[in-house]
Amino acid sequence: MLDRIILFSAIVLILLMLLSLYRVVGGPSVLDRILGGNVIGTKTTALLLLVGILYGNLGMFVDIAIAYALLNFIATLGATKYFLRKRGSGEILEAVLEKEAPLLGQSENSEESPV
């Protein structure tokens, strides 16, 4: 019974990875694509652990999962640093602030003066 639950969880993780793959392929910006790739790597780490439980050799798969998670983290940092340098961090910061301003309830013309 436990094997079926683990197998079902692995299938759900694979489906979620396919949804993240959609973000990697059709992301509106480069940083969204990097984030989608990072999500896929994180889910792959969890999937490796589930496979280790299924095969009954969790110790070996934990080592593999830790190494994969570390490589995923380093690759994400490297890609983010590369694309931030390429585009210019000021331009990206302005784009993020413009995107988040409506969510925070701020408008472009609503500057409050100090009292």
Protein backbone atom coordinates (compact mmCIF):
# COMPACT_ATOMS: atom_id res chain seq x y z
CA MET A 1 0.00 0.00 0.00
CA LEU A 2 2.85 2.38 0.82
CA ASP A 3 4.41 1.69 -2.57
CA ARG A 4 1.23 2.83 -4.33
CA ILE A 5 1.12 6.06 -2.33
CA ILE A 6 4.75 6.81 -3.15
CA LEU A 7 4.19 5.96 -6.81
CA PHE A 8 1.12 8.24 -6.92
CA SER A 9 3.16 11.05 -5.31
CA ALA A 10 5.90 10.57 -7.91
CA ILE A 11 3.35 10.78 -10.73
CA VAL A 12 1.92 13.98 -9.26
CA LEU A 13 5.43 15.46 -9.03
CA ILE A 14 6.07 14.60 -12.68
CA LEU A 15 2.82 16.32 -13.69
CA LEU A 16 3.81 19.40 -11.70
CA MET A 17 7.19 19.35 -13.42
CA LEU A 18 5.41 19.40 -16.78
CA LEU A 19 3.49 22.50 -15.67
CA SER A 20 6.77 24.15 -14.71
CA LEU A 21 8.21 23.15 -18.07
CA TYR A 22 5.48 25.27 -19.65
CA ARG A 23 6.84 28.26 -17.69
CA VAL A 24 10.39 27.48 -18.83
CA VAL A 25 9.41 27.29 -22.50
CA GLY A 26 6.89 30.13 -22.63
CA GLY A 27 7.88 32.37 -19.75
CA PRO A 28 7.31 36.07 -20.29
CA SER A 29 10.82 36.95 -19.14
CA VAL A 30 14.20 35.30 -18.74
CA LEU A 31 13.96 35.37 -14.96
CA ASP A 32 10.62 33.53 -15.10
CA ARG A 33 12.30 30.85 -17.18
CA ILE A 34 15.14 30.56 -14.67
CA LEU A 35 12.64 30.24 -11.84
CA GLY A 36 10.76 27.53 -13.74
CA GLY A 37 13.99 25.62 -14.22
CA ASN A 38 14.75 25.93 -10.53
CA VAL A 39 11.31 24.56 -9.64
CA ILE A 40 11.87 21.59 -11.95
CA GLY A 41 15.22 20.92 -10.28
CA THR A 42 13.68 21.06 -6.81
CA LYS A 43 10.93 18.65 -7.78
CA THR A 44 13.51 16.35 -9.34
CA THR A 45 15.33 16.25 -6.00
CA ALA A 46 12.12 15.17 -4.25
CA LEU A 47 11.48 12.64 -7.02
CA LEU A 48 14.94 11.13 -6.49
CA LEU A 49 14.11 10.63 -2.82
CA LEU A 50 10.82 8.94 -3.69
CA VAL A 51 12.62 6.61 -6.09
CA GLY A 52 15.08 5.80 -3.30
CA ILE A 53 12.19 4.81 -1.04
CA LEU A 54 10.69 2.65 -3.77
CA TYR A 55 13.97 0.81 -4.40
CA GLY A 56 14.67 0.43 -0.69
CA ASN A 57 18.07 2.10 -0.93
CA LEU A 58 17.35 5.57 0.40
CA GLY A 59 20.92 6.22 1.59
CA MET A 60 22.38 6.16 -1.90
CA PHE A 61 19.58 8.28 -3.36
CA VAL A 62 19.90 10.88 -0.59
CA ASP A 63 23.52 11.45 -1.63
CA ILE A 64 22.50 11.77 -5.27
CA ALA A 65 19.63 14.13 -4.39
CA ILE A 66 21.88 16.38 -2.29
CA ALA A 67 24.45 16.60 -5.09
CA TYR A 68 21.72 17.35 -7.63
CA ALA A 69 20.17 20.03 -5.40
CA LEU A 70 23.56 21.67 -4.99
CA LEU A 71 24.18 21.69 -8.74
CA ASN A 72 20.68 23.08 -9.32
CA PHE A 73 21.31 25.87 -6.82
CA ILE A 74 24.67 26.80 -8.32
CA ALA A 75 23.28 26.74 -11.87
CA THR A 76 20.36 28.97 -10.85
CA LEU A 77 22.67 31.48 -9.19
CA GLY A 78 25.01 31.49 -12.16
CA ALA A 79 22.25 31.95 -14.73
CA THR A 80 20.60 34.70 -12.69
CA LYS A 81 23.87 36.57 -12.23
CA TYR A 82 24.67 36.25 -15.93
CA PHE A 83 21.31 37.58 -17.10
CA LEU A 84 21.24 40.37 -14.51
CA ARG A 85 24.62 41.59 -15.75
CA LYS A 86 23.54 41.28 -19.35
CA ARG A 87 20.34 43.30 -18.99
CA GLY A 88 21.43 45.68 -16.28
CA SER A 89 20.04 45.35 -12.77
CA GLY A 90 18.52 48.84 -12.79
CA GLU A 91 16.31 47.99 -15.73
CA ILE A 92 15.14 44.76 -14.07
CA LEU A 93 14.46 46.51 -10.76
CA GLU A 94 12.31 49.11 -12.49
CA ALA A 95 10.36 46.41 -14.33
CA VAL A 96 9.69 44.51 -11.09
CA LEU A 97 8.60 47.66 -9.26
CA GLU A 98 6.22 48.62 -12.08
CA LYS A 99 4.77 45.13 -12.07
CA GLU A 100 4.30 44.99 -8.29
CA ALA A 101 2.98 48.54 -7.77
CA PRO A 102 -0.69 47.69 -8.52
CA LEU A 103 -0.50 44.73 -6.17
CA LEU A 104 0.74 46.94 -3.36
CA GLY A 105 -1.97 49.52 -3.93
CA GLN A 106 0.37 52.16 -5.24
CA SER A 107 -0.16 54.10 -8.40
CA GLU A 108 2.38 56.00 -10.42
CA ASN A 109 0.87 59.40 -9.59
CA SER A 110 0.24 58.85 -5.89
CA GLU A 111 3.31 60.26 -4.23
CA GLU A 112 2.63 61.27 -0.68
CA SER A 113 4.32 64.40 0.56
CA PRO A 114 5.80 64.42 4.04
CA VAL A 115 3.73 66.25 6.64
